[in-house]
C-alpha atoms as a PDB file:
ATOM      1  CA  MET A   1     -75.967 128.024 190.745  1.00  0.00           C
ATOM      2  CA  GLN A   2     -75.485 125.742 188.397  1.00  0.00           C
ATOM      3  CA  ILE A   3     -72.821 126.389 186.013  1.00  0.00           C
ATOM      4  CA  PRO A   4     -73.807 125.401 182.168  1.00  0.00           C
ATOM      5  CA  ASP A   5     -72.255 122.588 181.000  1.00  0.00           C
ATOM      6  CA  ASP A   6     -70.330 123.983 177.860  1.00  0.00           C
ATOM      7  CA  TYR A   7     -69.257 127.023 180.014  1.00  0.00           C
ATOM      8  CA  PRO A   8     -65.778 125.169 181.350  1.00  0.00           C
ATOM      9  CA  ASP A   9     -64.922 124.418 177.937  1.00  0.00           C
ATOM     10  CA  ALA A  10     -65.598 127.900 176.575  1.00  0.00           C
ATOM     11  CA  LEU A  11     -63.218 129.308 179.047  1.00  0.00           C
ATOM     12  CA  ILE A  12     -60.261 126.636 178.280  1.00  0.00           C
ATOM     13  CA  ASP A  13     -60.825 128.054 174.736  1.00  0.00           C
ATOM     14  CA  GLU A  14     -60.284 131.538 175.957  1.00  0.00           C
ATOM     15  CA  LEU A  15     -57.622 130.847 178.632  1.00  0.00           C
ATOM     16  CA  ALA A  16     -55.128 127.836 176.971  1.00  0.00           C
ATOM     17  CA  PRO A  17     -53.431 130.657 175.087  1.00  0.00           C
ATOM     18  CA  TYR A  18     -52.145 132.008 178.472  1.00  0.00           C
ATOM     19  CA  GLY A  19     -51.082 128.949 179.842  1.00  0.00           C
ATOM     20  CA  PHE A  20     -54.155 128.160 182.139  1.00  0.00           C
ATOM     21  CA  GLN A  21     -55.506 125.048 182.735  1.00  0.00           C
ATOM     22  CA  PHE A  22     -58.907 123.532 183.804  1.00  0.00           C
ATOM     23  CA  ASN A  23     -58.730 122.276 187.544  1.00  0.00           C
ATOM     24  CA  SER A  24     -62.518 122.212 188.866  1.00  0.00           C
ATOM     25  CA  VAL A  25     -65.881 123.308 189.295  1.00  0.00           C
ATOM     26  CA  THR A  26     -67.342 123.251 192.649  1.00  0.00           C
ATOM     27  CA  ALA A  27     -70.902 124.359 194.405  1.00  0.00           C
ATOM     28  CA  THR A  28     -71.085 125.021 197.846  1.00  0.00           C
ATOM     29  CA  ASP A  29     -74.390 123.971 199.733  1.00  0.00           C
ATOM     30  CA  ASP A  30     -75.765 127.868 199.794  1.00  0.00           C
ATOM     31  CA  GLY A  31     -75.918 127.463 195.894  1.00  0.00           C
ATOM     32  CA  GLU A  32     -72.703 129.160 195.045  1.00  0.00           C
ATOM     33  CA  ALA A  33     -70.377 128.183 192.336  1.00  0.00           C
ATOM     34  CA  ALA A  34     -66.731 128.553 191.662  1.00  0.00           C
ATOM     35  CA  VAL A  35     -64.687 127.658 188.563  1.00  0.00           C
ATOM     36  CA  LEU A  36     -60.897 126.826 188.964  1.00  0.00           C
ATOM     37  CA  PHE A  37     -58.324 127.190 186.557  1.00  0.00           C
ATOM     38  CA  GLU A  38     -54.691 127.067 187.416  1.00  0.00           C
ATOM     39  CA  ALA A  39     -51.148 127.935 185.628  1.00  0.00           C
ATOM     40  CA  GLU A  40     -47.649 126.833 186.383  1.00  0.00           C
ATOM     41  CA  PRO A  41     -45.813 129.458 187.960  1.00  0.00           C
ATOM     42  CA  ASP A  42     -42.210 129.595 186.829  1.00  0.00           C
ATOM     43  CA  SER A  43     -43.396 128.863 182.950  1.00  0.00           C
ATOM     44  CA  PHE A  44     -45.936 131.416 183.244  1.00  0.00           C
ATOM     45  CA  VAL A  45     -43.617 134.547 185.041  1.00  0.00           C
ATOM     46  CA  ARG A  46     -41.150 133.440 182.072  1.00  0.00           C
ATOM     47  CA  SER A  47     -44.017 134.015 179.459  1.00  0.00           C
ATOM     48  CA  HIS A  48     -45.509 136.742 181.289  1.00  0.00           C
ATOM     49  CA  PRO A  49     -42.257 139.016 182.855  1.00  0.00           C
ATOM     50  CA  GLY A  50     -42.960 141.999 184.989  1.00  0.00           C
ATOM     51  CA  LEU A  51     -46.326 141.339 186.713  1.00  0.00           C
ATOM     52  CA  GLY A  52     -45.339 141.560 189.906  1.00  0.00           C
ATOM     53  CA  ILE A  53     -46.638 137.677 190.905  1.00  0.00           C
ATOM     54  CA  GLU A  54     -43.249 136.769 192.097  1.00  0.00           C
ATOM     55  CA  ASP A  55     -42.683 139.374 194.536  1.00  0.00           C
ATOM     56  CA  SER A  56     -46.326 139.085 195.729  1.00  0.00           C
ATOM     57  CA  TYR A  57     -45.268 135.699 197.061  1.00  0.00           C
ATOM     58  CA  GLY A  58     -41.883 136.785 198.440  1.00  0.00           C
ATOM     59  CA  ALA A  59     -39.624 133.591 200.245  1.00  0.00           C
ATOM     60  CA  HIS A  60     -42.664 131.481 199.284  1.00  0.00           C
ATOM     61  CA  TRP A  61     -41.706 131.070 195.734  1.00  0.00           C
ATOM     62  CA  PRO A  62     -42.959 129.267 193.780  1.00  0.00           C
ATOM     63  CA  PRO A  63     -45.900 128.360 194.782  1.00  0.00           C
ATOM     64  CA  ALA A  64     -47.755 124.950 193.623  1.00  0.00           C
ATOM     65  CA  CYS A  65     -49.793 126.724 191.529  1.00  0.00           C
ATOM     66  CA  LEU A  66     -51.261 130.032 190.052  1.00  0.00           C
ATOM     67  CA  ASP A  67     -54.942 130.403 190.459  1.00  0.00           C
ATOM     68  CA  LEU A  68     -57.818 131.984 188.515  1.00  0.00           C
ATOM     69  CA  TRP A  69     -61.014 131.939 190.372  1.00  0.00           C
ATOM     70  CA  LEU A  70     -64.386 132.672 189.073  1.00  0.00           C
ATOM     71  CA  LYS A  71     -66.947 132.951 191.674  1.00  0.00           C
ATOM     72  CA  PHE A  72     -70.714 133.019 191.362  1.00  0.00           C
ATOM     73  CA  ASP A  73     -73.114 133.922 193.941  1.00  0.00           C
ATOM     74  CA  ARG A  74     -76.422 132.070 194.090  1.00  0.00           C
ATOM     75  CA  HIS A  75     -78.295 133.725 191.651  1.00  0.00           C
ATOM     76  CA  GLY A  76     -75.658 133.195 188.617  1.00  0.00           C
ATOM     77  CA  ASP A  77     -74.113 136.681 189.231  1.00  0.00           C
ATOM     78  CA  PRO A  78     -70.272 136.798 188.864  1.00  0.00           C
ATOM     79  CA  VAL A  79     -69.034 138.022 192.225  1.00  0.00           C
ATOM     80  CA  GLU A  80     -65.183 137.454 191.876  1.00  0.00           C
ATOM     81  CA  VAL A  81     -62.922 137.178 188.627  1.00  0.00           C
ATOM     82  CA  SER A  82     -59.460 137.145 190.246  1.00  0.00           C
ATOM     83  CA  PHE A  83     -56.187 135.734 189.455  1.00  0.00           C
ATOM     84  CA  GLU A  84     -53.211 136.040 191.833  1.00  0.00           C
ATOM     85  CA  VAL A  85     -52.599 140.243 192.160  1.00  0.00           C
ATOM     86  CA  PHE A  86     -55.378 140.911 189.436  1.00  0.00           C
ATOM     87  CA  ASP A  87     -58.977 141.864 190.393  1.00  0.00           C
ATOM     88  CA  LEU A  88     -60.549 141.665 186.913  1.00  0.00           C
ATOM     89  CA  LEU A  89     -63.611 143.179 187.768  1.00  0.00           C
ATOM     90  CA  ALA A  90     -62.354 146.199 189.548  1.00  0.00           C
ATOM     91  CA  TRP A  91     -59.817 146.337 186.803  1.00  0.00           C
ATOM     92  CA  ALA A  92     -62.342 145.950 183.702  1.00  0.00           C
ATOM     93  CA  ALA A  93     -64.682 149.057 185.873  1.00  0.00           C
ATOM     94  CA  SER A  94     -61.931 151.231 185.852  1.00  0.00           C
ATOM     95  CA  VAL A  95     -60.568 150.746 181.990  1.00  0.00           C
ATOM     96  CA  ASP A  96     -63.446 149.620 180.013  1.00  0.00           C
ATOM     97  CA  PRO A  97     -67.007 149.623 181.152  1.00  0.00           C
ATOM     98  CA  GLU A  98     -68.348 147.731 178.322  1.00  0.00           C
ATOM     99  CA  LEU A  99     -65.898 145.168 179.134  1.00  0.00           C
ATOM    100  CA  HIS A 100     -66.646 145.094 183.224  1.00  0.00           C
ATOM    101  CA  ALA A 101     -70.511 144.938 182.112  1.00  0.00           C
ATOM    102  CA  ARG A 102     -69.849 141.659 180.005  1.00  0.00           C
ATOM    103  CA  LEU A 103     -67.818 140.428 182.783  1.00  0.00           C
ATOM    104  CA  SER A 104     -70.651 141.186 185.385  1.00  0.00           C
ATOM    105  CA  THR A 105     -73.489 139.028 184.050  1.00  0.00           C
ATOM    106  CA  MET A 106     -73.657 135.252 182.716  1.00  0.00           C
ATOM    107  CA  ASP A 107     -76.776 136.333 180.397  1.00  0.00           C
ATOM    108  CA  ASP A 108     -74.636 134.765 177.537  1.00  0.00           C
ATOM    109  CA  PRO A 109     -72.170 132.454 179.280  1.00  0.00           C
ATOM    110  CA  ALA A 110     -70.268 131.864 175.997  1.00  0.00           C
ATOM    111  CA  ASP A 111     -69.709 135.795 175.952  1.00  0.00           C
ATOM    112  CA  HIS A 112     -68.734 136.025 179.934  1.00  0.00           C
ATOM    113  CA  ALA A 113     -65.966 133.426 178.623  1.00  0.00           C
ATOM    114  CA  VAL A 114     -64.705 135.687 175.841  1.00  0.00           C
ATOM    115  CA  ALA A 115     -65.040 138.398 178.194  1.00  0.00           C
ATOM    116  CA  VAL A 116     -62.642 136.491 180.604  1.00  0.00           C
ATOM    117  CA  GLY A 117     -60.206 135.700 177.878  1.00  0.00           C
ATOM    118  CA  GLU A 118     -60.058 139.124 176.717  1.00  0.00           C
ATOM    119  CA  ALA A 119     -59.797 140.903 180.134  1.00  0.00           C
ATOM    120  CA  MET A 120     -56.461 138.479 181.027  1.00  0.00           C
ATOM    121  CA  GLY A 121     -55.044 139.409 177.684  1.00  0.00           C
ATOM    122  CA  ARG A 122     -55.582 143.083 178.384  1.00  0.00           C
ATOM    123  CA  VAL A 123     -54.187 142.829 181.950  1.00  0.00           C
ATOM    124  CA  LEU A 124     -51.017 140.086 181.035  1.00  0.00           C
ATOM    125  CA  GLU A 125     -50.364 142.972 178.139  1.00  0.00           C
ATOM    126  CA  HIS A 126     -50.156 145.399 181.314  1.00  0.00           C
ATOM    127  CA  GLU A 127     -52.754 147.485 180.331  1.00  0.00           C
ATOM    128  CA  PRO A 128     -53.030 149.824 182.861  1.00  0.00           C
ATOM    129  CA  ALA A 129     -55.941 151.329 184.512  1.00  0.00           C
ATOM    130  CA  PRO A 130     -56.702 154.877 183.604  1.00  0.00           C
ATOM    131  CA  THR A 131     -55.377 158.028 185.896  1.00  0.00           C
ATOM    132  CA  ASP A 132     -58.177 160.414 186.907  1.00  0.00           C
ATOM    133  CA  ASP A 133     -57.864 164.036 185.801  1.00  0.00           C
ATOM    134  CA  TYR A 134     -57.226 165.147 189.614  1.00  0.00           C
ATOM    135  CA  LEU A 135     -53.934 162.849 189.901  1.00  0.00           C
ATOM    136  CA  GLU A 136     -52.644 164.599 187.059  1.00  0.00           C
END
């Protein structure tokens, strides 16, 4: 899959407010693609405390950087939008089906970038997934 030229710039605009910096776009021989953004660990957890990111690393904290990956299959469909301990596709599926639908397609790359920024913002605000009635 060829990432649209303006897609990384759209993501930069959406993710910069959360402390992410663009790292790279990579493509595999089988047509898959990945976009990587990074955040500086210590300043990120100071800005967004209580997410459990430090705890997930244990004694290996801090890592060199915190990674936000966007991965696409050879058809251009998003297959992963993940940041450290968060699977944003799974989170959105449980919280906001409309947002999940926007994260699951690249029909409109500009809107996909906005959806990534929206999902990241909501996760960083600690918006929990809803509990099902059978759990109450």
